[in-house]
C-alpha cells in the first residue's frame, strides 16, 4: 500500500514552496495546489492522507470560503486529516473551522 500523500493548498506560491521544503526531508510524498478547485482535482487523482490548507487574512468572505472547502472535505473525504494554516489570530474564523470542518489542528503562519 503506498504512503498517503500530503496535499498543500495555498495560493501564495512562496509560502507553499517554503512549507514544501520544510516537509520534504520527512520523505512523505507531497503534492501542491494553488486553489481549492485544483485541490479537489488532486484529491480525485491521488490517495491523500493529510491536507494542509492555507487560510488567507484577506477578507472574511475568503476565510468563509476556505472553511467551506474544508467542510466539504470533511463530508466527501472524511478519512483525510485536515490542518488549517492560518495567517492571523482571528479566533472566530479558526473556531468555526474546527467546529464546522472538523479541522484536526491549526498552525499559524509566521
PDB file of N, CA and C in Angstrom:
ATOM      1  N   UNK A   1       0.846  -1.184   0.000  1.00  0.00           N
ATOM      2  CA  UNK A   1       0.000   0.000   0.000  1.00  0.00           C
ATOM      3  C   UNK A   1       0.887   1.241   0.000  1.00  0.00           C
ATOM      4  N   UNK A   2       0.668   2.167  -0.927  1.00  0.00           N
ATOM      5  CA  UNK A   2       1.507   3.360  -0.985  1.00  0.00           C
ATOM      6  C   UNK A   2       1.257   4.283   0.203  1.00  0.00           C
ATOM      7  N   UNK A   3       2.278   5.062   0.527  1.00  0.00           N
ATOM      8  CA  UNK A   3       2.133   6.027   1.615  1.00  0.00           C
ATOM      9  C   UNK A   3       1.119   7.096   1.239  1.00  0.00           C
ATOM     10  N   UNK A   4       0.338   7.548   2.203  1.00  0.00           N
ATOM     11  CA  UNK A   4      -0.598   8.638   1.915  1.00  0.00           C
ATOM     12  C   UNK A   4       0.168   9.900   1.523  1.00  0.00           C
ATOM     13  N   UNK A   5      -0.445  10.655   0.676  1.00  0.00           N
ATOM     14  CA  UNK A   5       0.157  11.883   0.161  1.00  0.00           C
ATOM     15  C   UNK A   5      -0.257  13.069   1.019  1.00  0.00           C
ATOM     16  N   UNK A   6       0.668  14.009   1.175  1.00  0.00           N
ATOM     17  CA  UNK A   6       0.382  15.279   1.837  1.00  0.00           C
ATOM     18  C   UNK A   6       0.045  16.280   0.734  1.00  0.00           C
ATOM     19  N   UNK A   7      -1.119  16.912   0.850  1.00  0.00           N
ATOM     20  CA  UNK A   7      -1.558  17.899  -0.125  1.00  0.00           C
ATOM     21  C   UNK A   7      -1.466  19.294   0.493  1.00  0.00           C
ATOM     22  N   UNK A   8      -0.648  20.165  -0.110  1.00  0.00           N
ATOM     23  CA  UNK A   8      -0.513  21.546   0.332  1.00  0.00           C
ATOM     24  C   UNK A   8      -1.394  22.423  -0.548  1.00  0.00           C
ATOM     25  N   UNK A   9      -2.309  23.165   0.071  1.00  0.00           N
ATOM     26  CA  UNK A   9      -3.190  24.063  -0.681  1.00  0.00           C
ATOM     27  C   UNK A   9      -2.949  25.476  -0.178  1.00  0.00           C
ATOM     28  N   UNK A  10      -2.351  26.291  -1.031  1.00  0.00           N
ATOM     29  CA  UNK A  10      -2.082  27.680  -0.647  1.00  0.00           C
ATOM     30  C   UNK A  10      -1.924  28.502  -1.913  1.00  0.00           C
ATOM     31  N   UNK A  11      -2.577  29.646  -1.952  1.00  0.00           N
ATOM     32  CA  UNK A  11      -2.481  30.493  -3.139  1.00  0.00           C
ATOM     33  C   UNK A  11      -1.218  31.341  -3.155  1.00  0.00           C
ATOM     34  N   UNK A  12      -0.454  31.311  -2.076  1.00  0.00           N
ATOM     35  CA  UNK A  12       0.810  32.029  -2.008  1.00  0.00           C
ATOM     36  C   UNK A  12       1.934  31.048  -2.334  1.00  0.00           C
ATOM     37  N   UNK A  13       2.485  31.138  -3.533  1.00  0.00           N
ATOM     38  CA  UNK A  13       3.494  30.189  -4.004  1.00  0.00           C
ATOM     39  C   UNK A  13       4.748  30.203  -3.138  1.00  0.00           C
ATOM     40  N   UNK A  14       5.145  31.358  -2.647  1.00  0.00           N
ATOM     41  CA  UNK A  14       6.339  31.451  -1.811  1.00  0.00           C
ATOM     42  C   UNK A  14       6.154  30.671  -0.508  1.00  0.00           C
ATOM     43  N   UNK A  15       5.011  30.876   0.139  1.00  0.00           N
ATOM     44  CA  UNK A  15       4.735  30.167   1.386  1.00  0.00           C
ATOM     45  C   UNK A  15       4.578  28.667   1.139  1.00  0.00           C
ATOM     46  N   UNK A  16       3.924  28.320   0.050  1.00  0.00           N
ATOM     47  CA  UNK A  16       3.743  26.918  -0.302  1.00  0.00           C
ATOM     48  C   UNK A  16       5.089  26.239  -0.528  1.00  0.00           C
ATOM     49  N   UNK A  17       5.977  26.903  -1.244  1.00  0.00           N
ATOM     50  CA  UNK A  17       7.299  26.337  -1.510  1.00  0.00           C
ATOM     51  C   UNK A  17       8.111  26.207  -0.225  1.00  0.00           C
ATOM     52  N   UNK A  18       8.017  27.188   0.656  1.00  0.00           N
ATOM     53  CA  UNK A  18       8.733  27.118   1.941  1.00  0.00           C
ATOM     54  C   UNK A  18       8.253  25.931   2.765  1.00  0.00           C
ATOM     55  N   UNK A  19       6.948  25.749   2.826  1.00  0.00           N
ATOM     56  CA  UNK A  19       6.400  24.619   3.573  1.00  0.00           C
ATOM     57  C   UNK A  19       6.809  23.292   2.930  1.00  0.00           C
ATOM     58  N   UNK A  20       6.801  23.248   1.618  1.00  0.00           N
ATOM     59  CA  UNK A  20       7.247  22.058   0.893  1.00  0.00           C
ATOM     60  C   UNK A  20       8.681  21.707   1.285  1.00  0.00           C
ATOM     61  N   UNK A  21       9.549  22.712   1.338  1.00  0.00           N
ATOM     62  CA  UNK A  21      10.954  22.479   1.680  1.00  0.00           C
ATOM     63  C   UNK A  21      11.130  22.016   3.122  1.00  0.00           C
ATOM     64  N   UNK A  22      10.253  22.455   4.015  1.00  0.00           N
ATOM     65  CA  UNK A  22      10.305  22.003   5.409  1.00  0.00           C
ATOM     66  C   UNK A  22       9.859  20.539   5.512  1.00  0.00           C
ATOM     67  N   UNK A  23       8.823  20.180   4.756  1.00  0.00           N
ATOM     68  CA  UNK A  23       8.267  18.828   4.848  1.00  0.00           C
ATOM     69  C   UNK A  23       9.022  17.794   4.015  1.00  0.00           C
ATOM     70  N   UNK A  24       9.692  18.224   2.977  1.00  0.00           N
ATOM     71  CA  UNK A  24      10.353  17.301   2.052  1.00  0.00           C
ATOM     72  C   UNK A  24      11.314  16.315   2.729  1.00  0.00           C
ATOM     73  N   UNK A  25      12.138  16.731   3.696  1.00  0.00           N
ATOM     74  CA  UNK A  25      13.051  15.782   4.337  1.00  0.00           C
ATOM     75  C   UNK A  25      12.355  14.655   5.109  1.00  0.00           C
ATOM     76  N   UNK A  26      11.064  14.802   5.380  1.00  0.00           N
ATOM     77  CA  UNK A  26      10.328  13.759   6.100  1.00  0.00           C
ATOM     78  C   UNK A  26       9.986  12.572   5.194  1.00  0.00           C
ATOM     79  N   UNK A  27      10.254  12.716   3.907  1.00  0.00           N
ATOM     80  CA  UNK A  27      10.090  11.647   2.914  1.00  0.00           C
ATOM     81  C   UNK A  27       8.647  11.255   2.629  1.00  0.00           C
ATOM     82  N   UNK A  28       7.717  12.123   2.933  1.00  0.00           N
ATOM     83  CA  UNK A  28       6.336  11.878   2.531  1.00  0.00           C
ATOM     84  C   UNK A  28       6.135  12.420   1.123  1.00  0.00           C
ATOM     85  N   UNK A  29       5.347  11.734   0.311  1.00  0.00           N
ATOM     86  CA  UNK A  29       5.025  12.308  -0.989  1.00  0.00           C
ATOM     87  C   UNK A  29       4.182  13.570  -0.790  1.00  0.00           C
ATOM     88  N   UNK A  30       4.546  14.645  -1.484  1.00  0.00           N
ATOM     89  CA  UNK A  30       3.881  15.934  -1.321  1.00  0.00           C
ATOM     90  C   UNK A  30       3.409  16.422  -2.681  1.00  0.00           C
ATOM     91  N   UNK A  31       2.168  16.898  -2.710  1.00  0.00           N
ATOM     92  CA  UNK A  31       1.580  17.484  -3.914  1.00  0.00           C
ATOM     93  C   UNK A  31       1.076  18.867  -3.536  1.00  0.00           C
ATOM     94  N   UNK A  32       1.223  19.826  -4.446  1.00  0.00           N
ATOM     95  CA  UNK A  32       0.777  21.193  -4.171  1.00  0.00           C
ATOM     96  C   UNK A  32      -0.407  21.559  -5.060  1.00  0.00           C
ATOM     97  N   UNK A  33      -1.258  22.424  -4.520  1.00  0.00           N
ATOM     98  CA  UNK A  33      -2.375  23.007  -5.274  1.00  0.00           C
ATOM     99  C   UNK A  33      -2.437  24.482  -4.913  1.00  0.00           C
ATOM    100  N   UNK A  34      -2.755  25.309  -5.911  1.00  0.00           N
ATOM    101  CA  UNK A  34      -2.791  26.753  -5.668  1.00  0.00           C
ATOM    102  C   UNK A  34      -4.170  27.277  -5.311  1.00  0.00           C
ATOM    103  N   UNK A  35      -5.199  26.437  -5.468  1.00  0.00           N
ATOM    104  CA  UNK A  35      -6.555  26.856  -5.101  1.00  0.00           C
ATOM    105  C   UNK A  35      -7.396  25.618  -4.793  1.00  0.00           C
ATOM    106  N   UNK A  36      -8.615  25.863  -4.332  1.00  0.00           N
ATOM    107  CA  UNK A  36      -9.452  24.746  -3.883  1.00  0.00           C
ATOM    108  C   UNK A  36      -9.917  23.860  -5.032  1.00  0.00           C
ATOM    109  N   UNK A  37     -10.156  24.424  -6.204  1.00  0.00           N
ATOM    110  CA  UNK A  37     -10.592  23.576  -7.328  1.00  0.00           C
ATOM    111  C   UNK A  37      -9.461  22.652  -7.770  1.00  0.00           C
ATOM    112  N   UNK A  38      -8.252  23.163  -7.782  1.00  0.00           N
ATOM    113  CA  UNK A  38      -7.103  22.317  -8.112  1.00  0.00           C
ATOM    114  C   UNK A  38      -6.900  21.249  -7.024  1.00  0.00           C
ATOM    115  N   UNK A  39      -7.151  21.623  -5.771  1.00  0.00           N
ATOM    116  CA  UNK A  39      -7.022  20.659  -4.671  1.00  0.00           C
ATOM    117  C   UNK A  39      -8.026  19.519  -4.824  1.00  0.00           C
ATOM    118  N   UNK A  40      -9.249  19.833  -5.221  1.00  0.00           N
ATOM    119  CA  UNK A  40     -10.253  18.788  -5.430  1.00  0.00           C
ATOM    120  C   UNK A  40      -9.837  17.842  -6.551  1.00  0.00           C
ATOM    121  N   UNK A  41      -9.224  18.375  -7.603  1.00  0.00           N
ATOM    122  CA  UNK A  41      -8.699  17.515  -8.678  1.00  0.00           C
ATOM    123  C   UNK A  41      -7.628  16.577  -8.140  1.00  0.00           C
ATOM    124  N   UNK A  42      -6.721  17.123  -7.323  1.00  0.00           N
ATOM    125  CA  UNK A  42      -5.644  16.300  -6.746  1.00  0.00           C
ATOM    126  C   UNK A  42      -6.220  15.205  -5.853  1.00  0.00           C
ATOM    127  N   UNK A  43      -7.274  15.541  -5.108  1.00  0.00           N
ATOM    128  CA  UNK A  43      -7.901  14.552  -4.233  1.00  0.00           C
ATOM    129  C   UNK A  43      -8.498  13.398  -5.031  1.00  0.00           C
ATOM    130  N   UNK A  44      -9.001  13.686  -6.217  1.00  0.00           N
ATOM    131  CA  UNK A  44      -9.567  12.641  -7.065  1.00  0.00           C
ATOM    132  C   UNK A  44      -8.491  11.800  -7.742  1.00  0.00           C
ATOM    133  N   UNK A  45      -7.291  12.349  -7.866  1.00  0.00           N
ATOM    134  CA  UNK A  45      -6.217  11.668  -8.585  1.00  0.00           C
ATOM    135  C   UNK A  45      -5.298  10.851  -7.693  1.00  0.00           C
ATOM    136  N   UNK A  46      -5.252  11.153  -6.415  1.00  0.00           N
ATOM    137  CA  UNK A  46      -4.243  10.533  -5.550  1.00  0.00           C
ATOM    138  C   UNK A  46      -4.833  10.161  -4.192  1.00  0.00           C
ATOM    139  N   UNK A  47      -4.114   9.307  -3.500  1.00  0.00           N
ATOM    140  CA  UNK A  47      -4.513   8.862  -2.166  1.00  0.00           C
ATOM    141  C   UNK A  47      -3.965   9.851  -1.131  1.00  0.00           C
ATOM    142  N   UNK A  48      -4.711  10.935  -0.924  1.00  0.00           N
ATOM    143  CA  UNK A  48      -4.293  11.979   0.004  1.00  0.00           C
ATOM    144  C   UNK A  48      -4.658  11.560   1.427  1.00  0.00           C
ATOM    145  N   UNK A  49      -3.690  11.681   2.335  1.00  0.00           N
ATOM    146  CA  UNK A  49      -3.927  11.343   3.732  1.00  0.00           C
ATOM    147  C   UNK A  49      -4.027  12.570   4.622  1.00  0.00           C
ATOM    148  N   UNK A  50      -3.301  13.625   4.238  1.00  0.00           N
ATOM    149  CA  UNK A  50      -3.266  14.861   5.024  1.00  0.00           C
ATOM    150  C   UNK A  50      -3.366  16.036   4.069  1.00  0.00           C
ATOM    151  N   UNK A  51      -4.178  17.012   4.430  1.00  0.00           N
ATOM    152  CA  UNK A  51      -4.254  18.244   3.648  1.00  0.00           C
ATOM    153  C   UNK A  51      -3.933  19.416   4.556  1.00  0.00           C
ATOM    154  N   UNK A  52      -2.979  20.227   4.121  1.00  0.00           N
ATOM    155  CA  UNK A  52      -2.628  21.464   4.810  1.00  0.00           C
ATOM    156  C   UNK A  52      -3.182  22.592   3.954  1.00  0.00           C
ATOM    157  N   UNK A  53      -4.166  23.293   4.478  1.00  0.00           N
ATOM    158  CA  UNK A  53      -4.871  24.302   3.700  1.00  0.00           C
ATOM    159  C   UNK A  53      -4.604  25.680   4.261  1.00  0.00           C
ATOM    160  N   UNK A  54      -4.014  26.539   3.440  1.00  0.00           N
ATOM    161  CA  UNK A  54      -3.746  27.910   3.849  1.00  0.00           C
ATOM    162  C   UNK A  54      -5.018  28.728   3.882  1.00  0.00           C
ATOM    163  N   UNK A  55      -5.153  29.523   4.927  1.00  0.00           N
ATOM    164  CA  UNK A  55      -6.289  30.437   5.046  1.00  0.00           C
ATOM    165  C   UNK A  55      -5.750  31.851   4.949  1.00  0.00           C
ATOM    166  N   UNK A  56      -6.261  32.607   4.027  1.00  0.00           N
ATOM    167  CA  UNK A  56      -5.754  33.965   3.831  1.00  0.00           C
ATOM    168  C   UNK A  56      -6.374  34.920   4.846  1.00  0.00           C
ATOM    169  N   UNK A  57      -5.661  35.988   5.104  1.00  0.00           N
ATOM    170  CA  UNK A  57      -6.167  37.016   6.009  1.00  0.00           C
ATOM    171  C   UNK A  57      -6.834  38.137   5.222  1.00  0.00           C
ATOM    172  N   UNK A  58      -7.040  37.913   3.933  1.00  0.00           N
ATOM    173  CA  UNK A  58      -7.527  38.968   3.044  1.00  0.00           C
ATOM    174  C   UNK A  58      -8.913  39.482   3.420  1.00  0.00           C
ATOM    175  N   UNK A  59      -9.867  38.576   3.588  1.00  0.00           N
ATOM    176  CA  UNK A  59     -11.228  39.036   3.866  1.00  0.00           C
ATOM    177  C   UNK A  59     -12.010  37.956   4.583  1.00  0.00           C
ATOM    178  N   UNK A  60     -13.083  38.384   5.224  1.00  0.00           N
ATOM    179  CA  UNK A  60     -13.954  37.425   5.897  1.00  0.00           C
ATOM    180  C   UNK A  60     -14.594  36.470   4.900  1.00  0.00           C
ATOM    181  N   UNK A  61     -14.932  36.984   3.723  1.00  0.00           N
ATOM    182  CA  UNK A  61     -15.550  36.134   2.692  1.00  0.00           C
ATOM    183  C   UNK A  61     -14.595  35.025   2.266  1.00  0.00           C
ATOM    184  N   UNK A  62     -13.319  35.348   2.098  1.00  0.00           N
ATOM    185  CA  UNK A  62     -12.349  34.330   1.698  1.00  0.00           C
ATOM    186  C   UNK A  62     -12.150  33.310   2.820  1.00  0.00           C
ATOM    187  N   UNK A  63     -12.133  33.762   4.062  1.00  0.00           N
ATOM    188  CA  UNK A  63     -11.993  32.836   5.186  1.00  0.00           C
ATOM    189  C   UNK A  63     -13.170  31.866   5.224  1.00  0.00           C
ATOM    190  N   UNK A  64     -14.386  32.389   4.966  1.00  0.00           N
ATOM    191  CA  UNK A  64     -15.565  31.512   4.936  1.00  0.00           C
ATOM    192  C   UNK A  64     -15.449  30.508   3.794  1.00  0.00           C
ATOM    193  N   UNK A  65     -14.922  30.941   2.653  1.00  0.00           N
ATOM    194  CA  UNK A  65     -14.743  30.036   1.510  1.00  0.00           C
ATOM    195  C   UNK A  65     -13.738  28.940   1.846  1.00  0.00           C
ATOM    196  N   UNK A  66     -12.653  29.294   2.534  1.00  0.00           N
ATOM    197  CA  UNK A  66     -11.667  28.293   2.937  1.00  0.00           C
ATOM    198  C   UNK A  66     -12.283  27.294   3.913  1.00  0.00           C
ATOM    199  N   UNK A  67     -13.060  27.790   4.866  1.00  0.00           N
ATOM    200  CA  UNK A  67     -13.721  26.910   5.826  1.00  0.00           C
ATOM    201  C   UNK A  67     -14.749  26.027   5.132  1.00  0.00           C
ATOM    202  N   UNK A  68     -15.479  26.583   4.164  1.00  0.00           N
ATOM    203  CA  UNK A  68     -16.457  25.796   3.413  1.00  0.00           C
ATOM    204  C   UNK A  68     -15.759  24.679   2.630  1.00  0.00           C
ATOM    205  N   UNK A  69     -14.609  24.969   2.063  1.00  0.00           N
ATOM    206  CA  UNK A  69     -13.833  23.951   1.366  1.00  0.00           C
ATOM    207  C   UNK A  69     -13.460  22.825   2.324  1.00  0.00           C
ATOM    208  N   UNK A  70     -12.989  23.180   3.512  1.00  0.00           N
ATOM    209  CA  UNK A  70     -12.619  22.161   4.497  1.00  0.00           C
ATOM    210  C   UNK A  70     -13.847  21.385   4.975  1.00  0.00           C
ATOM    211  N   UNK A  71     -14.982  22.049   5.091  1.00  0.00           N
ATOM    212  CA  UNK A  71     -16.231  21.380   5.471  1.00  0.00           C
ATOM    213  C   UNK A  71     -16.624  20.360   4.400  1.00  0.00           C
ATOM    214  N   UNK A  72     -16.490  20.739   3.128  1.00  0.00           N
ATOM    215  CA  UNK A  72     -16.775  19.819   2.028  1.00  0.00           C
ATOM    216  C   UNK A  72     -15.845  18.615   2.086  1.00  0.00           C
ATOM    217  N   UNK A  73     -14.591  18.854   2.401  1.00  0.00           N
ATOM    218  CA  UNK A  73     -13.639  17.746   2.541  1.00  0.00           C
ATOM    219  C   UNK A  73     -14.065  16.789   3.655  1.00  0.00           C
ATOM    220  N   UNK A  74     -14.525  17.363   4.763  1.00  0.00           N
ATOM    221  CA  UNK A  74     -14.949  16.525   5.891  1.00  0.00           C
ATOM    222  C   UNK A  74     -16.094  15.604   5.494  1.00  0.00           C
ATOM    223  N   UNK A  75     -16.970  16.082   4.630  1.00  0.00           N
ATOM    224  CA  UNK A  75     -18.108  15.270   4.191  1.00  0.00           C
ATOM    225  C   UNK A  75     -17.730  14.272   3.100  1.00  0.00           C
ATOM    226  N   UNK A  76     -16.966  14.737   2.106  1.00  0.00           N
ATOM    227  CA  UNK A  76     -16.653  13.905   0.947  1.00  0.00           C
ATOM    228  C   UNK A  76     -15.420  13.024   1.122  1.00  0.00           C
ATOM    229  N   UNK A  77     -14.490  13.446   1.970  1.00  0.00           N
ATOM    230  CA  UNK A  77     -13.244  12.717   2.210  1.00  0.00           C
ATOM    231  C   UNK A  77     -12.959  12.677   3.721  1.00  0.00           C
ATOM    232  N   UNK A  78     -13.812  12.016   4.494  1.00  0.00           N
ATOM    233  CA  UNK A  78     -13.671  12.079   5.955  1.00  0.00           C
ATOM    234  C   UNK A  78     -12.379  11.468   6.490  1.00  0.00           C
ATOM    235  N   UNK A  79     -11.732  10.610   5.728  1.00  0.00           N
ATOM    236  CA  UNK A  79     -10.510   9.960   6.173  1.00  0.00           C
ATOM    237  C   UNK A  79      -9.284  10.871   6.047  1.00  0.00           C
ATOM    238  N   UNK A  80      -9.417  11.979   5.348  1.00  0.00           N
ATOM    239  CA  UNK A  80      -8.297  12.899   5.159  1.00  0.00           C
ATOM    240  C   UNK A  80      -8.176  13.798   6.395  1.00  0.00           C
ATOM    241  N   UNK A  81      -6.987  13.839   6.972  1.00  0.00           N
ATOM    242  CA  UNK A  81      -6.731  14.723   8.108  1.00  0.00           C
ATOM    243  C   UNK A  81      -6.591  16.140   7.596  1.00  0.00           C
ATOM    244  N   UNK A  82      -7.350  17.075   8.182  1.00  0.00           N
ATOM    245  CA  UNK A  82      -7.382  18.465   7.748  1.00  0.00           C
ATOM    246  C   UNK A  82      -6.637  19.349   8.746  1.00  0.00           C
ATOM    247  N   UNK A  83      -5.641  20.069   8.226  1.00  0.00           N
ATOM    248  CA  UNK A  83      -4.862  21.008   9.036  1.00  0.00           C
ATOM    249  C   UNK A  83      -4.987  22.381   8.391  1.00  0.00           C
ATOM    250  N   UNK A  84      -5.348  23.367   9.183  1.00  0.00           N
ATOM    251  CA  UNK A  84      -5.532  24.734   8.700  1.00  0.00           C
ATOM    252  C   UNK A  84      -4.264  25.529   8.971  1.00  0.00           C
ATOM    253  N   UNK A  85      -3.785  26.231   7.941  1.00  0.00           N
ATOM    254  CA  UNK A  85      -2.643  27.135   8.077  1.00  0.00           C
ATOM    255  C   UNK A  85      -3.206  28.554   8.098  1.00  0.00           C
ATOM    256  N   UNK A  86      -3.203  29.165   9.265  1.00  0.00           N
ATOM    257  CA  UNK A  86      -3.843  30.474   9.430  1.00  0.00           C
ATOM    258  C   UNK A  86      -2.806  31.589   9.426  1.00  0.00           C
ATOM    259  N   UNK A  87      -3.154  32.700   8.759  1.00  0.00           N
ATOM    260  CA  UNK A  87      -2.261  33.857   8.716  1.00  0.00           C
ATOM    261  C   UNK A  87      -2.449  34.797   9.896  1.00  0.00           C
ATOM    262  N   UNK A  88      -3.555  34.674  10.581  1.00  0.00           N
ATOM    263  CA  UNK A  88      -3.798  35.614  11.671  1.00  0.00           C
ATOM    264  C   UNK A  88      -4.469  34.908  12.843  1.00  0.00           C
ATOM    265  N   UNK A  89      -4.653  35.641  13.898  1.00  0.00           N
ATOM    266  CA  UNK A  89      -5.261  35.088  15.103  1.00  0.00           C
ATOM    267  C   UNK A  89      -6.749  35.338  15.190  1.00  0.00           C
ATOM    268  N   UNK A  90      -7.436  35.321  14.064  1.00  0.00           N
ATOM    269  CA  UNK A  90      -8.888  35.522  14.049  1.00  0.00           C
ATOM    270  C   UNK A  90      -9.536  34.312  14.726  1.00  0.00           C
ATOM    271  N   UNK A  91      -9.766  34.445  16.007  1.00  0.00           N
ATOM    272  CA  UNK A  91     -10.242  33.334  16.818  1.00  0.00           C
ATOM    273  C   UNK A  91     -11.564  32.769  16.314  1.00  0.00           C
ATOM    274  N   UNK A  92     -12.495  33.631  15.929  1.00  0.00           N
ATOM    275  CA  UNK A  92     -13.800  33.161  15.472  1.00  0.00           C
ATOM    276  C   UNK A  92     -13.681  32.326  14.196  1.00  0.00           C
ATOM    277  N   UNK A  93     -12.910  32.795  13.226  1.00  0.00           N
ATOM    278  CA  UNK A  93     -12.730  32.022  11.984  1.00  0.00           C
ATOM    279  C   UNK A  93     -12.065  30.684  12.263  1.00  0.00           C
ATOM    280  N   UNK A  94     -11.061  30.705  13.126  1.00  0.00           N
ATOM    281  CA  UNK A  94     -10.370  29.461  13.457  1.00  0.00           C
ATOM    282  C   UNK A  94     -11.290  28.501  14.206  1.00  0.00           C
ATOM    283  N   UNK A  95     -12.081  29.021  15.126  1.00  0.00           N
ATOM    284  CA  UNK A  95     -13.026  28.195  15.868  1.00  0.00           C
ATOM    285  C   UNK A  95     -14.085  27.600  14.937  1.00  0.00           C
ATOM    286  N   UNK A  96     -14.566  28.399  13.991  1.00  0.00           N
ATOM    287  CA  UNK A  96     -15.528  27.893  13.008  1.00  0.00           C
ATOM    288  C   UNK A  96     -14.924  26.767  12.183  1.00  0.00           C
ATOM    289  N   UNK A  97     -13.669  26.906  11.813  1.00  0.00           N
ATOM    290  CA  UNK A  97     -13.006  25.860  11.032  1.00  0.00           C
ATOM    291  C   UNK A  97     -12.931  24.558  11.827  1.00  0.00           C
ATOM    292  N   UNK A  98     -12.631  24.661  13.103  1.00  0.00           N
ATOM    293  CA  UNK A  98     -12.550  23.456  13.943  1.00  0.00           C
ATOM    294  C   UNK A  98     -13.934  22.834  14.118  1.00  0.00           C
ATOM    295  N   UNK A  99     -14.919  23.658  14.442  1.00  0.00           N
ATOM    296  CA  UNK A  99     -16.260  23.146  14.715  1.00  0.00           C
ATOM    297  C   UNK A  99     -17.001  22.693  13.469  1.00  0.00           C
ATOM    298  N   UNK A 100     -16.922  23.468  12.403  1.00  0.00           N
ATOM    299  CA  UNK A 100     -17.708  23.174  11.204  1.00  0.00           C
ATOM    300  C   UNK A 100     -17.018  22.206  10.249  1.00  0.00           C
ATOM    301  N   UNK A 101     -15.710  22.285  10.174  1.00  0.00           N
ATOM    302  CA  UNK A 101     -14.979  21.477   9.192  1.00  0.00           C
ATOM    303  C   UNK A 101     -14.167  20.362   9.841  1.00  0.00           C
ATOM    304  N   UNK A 102     -14.290  20.225  11.147  1.00  0.00           N
ATOM    305  CA  UNK A 102     -13.586  19.167  11.877  1.00  0.00           C
ATOM    306  C   UNK A 102     -12.088  19.187  11.584  1.00  0.00           C
ATOM    307  N   UNK A 103     -11.527  20.394  11.652  1.00  0.00           N
ATOM    308  CA  UNK A 103     -10.093  20.562  11.444  1.00  0.00           C
ATOM    309  C   UNK A 103      -9.360  19.946  12.622  1.00  0.00           C
ATOM    310  N   UNK A 104      -8.353  19.148  12.315  1.00  0.00           N
ATOM    311  CA  UNK A 104      -7.577  18.458  13.348  1.00  0.00           C
ATOM    312  C   UNK A 104      -6.675  19.419  14.105  1.00  0.00           C
ATOM    313  N   UNK A 105      -6.054  20.341  13.385  1.00  0.00           N
ATOM    314  CA  UNK A 105      -5.084  21.229  14.008  1.00  0.00           C
ATOM    315  C   UNK A 105      -5.014  22.541  13.229  1.00  0.00           C
ATOM    316  N   UNK A 106      -4.695  23.606  13.943  1.00  0.00           N
ATOM    317  CA  UNK A 106      -4.457  24.900  13.311  1.00  0.00           C
ATOM    318  C   UNK A 106      -2.995  25.257  13.562  1.00  0.00           C
ATOM    319  N   UNK A 107      -2.300  25.551  12.472  1.00  0.00           N
ATOM    320  CA  UNK A 107      -0.927  26.025  12.554  1.00  0.00           C
ATOM    321  C   UNK A 107      -0.917  27.472  12.076  1.00  0.00           C
ATOM    322  N   UNK A 108      -0.147  28.307  12.745  1.00  0.00           N
ATOM    323  CA  UNK A 108      -0.086  29.708  12.365  1.00  0.00           C
ATOM    324  C   UNK A 108       1.136  29.964  11.511  1.00  0.00           C
ATOM    325  N   UNK A 109       0.891  30.646  10.380  1.00  0.00           N
ATOM    326  CA  UNK A 109       1.999  31.019   9.502  1.00  0.00           C
ATOM    327  C   UNK A 109       2.826  32.098  10.181  1.00  0.00           C
ATOM    328  N   UNK A 110       4.133  32.080   9.934  1.00  0.00           N
ATOM    329  CA  UNK A 110       4.963  33.141  10.534  1.00  0.00           C
ATOM    330  C   UNK A 110       4.686  34.500   9.905  1.00  0.00           C
TER     331      UNK A 110
END
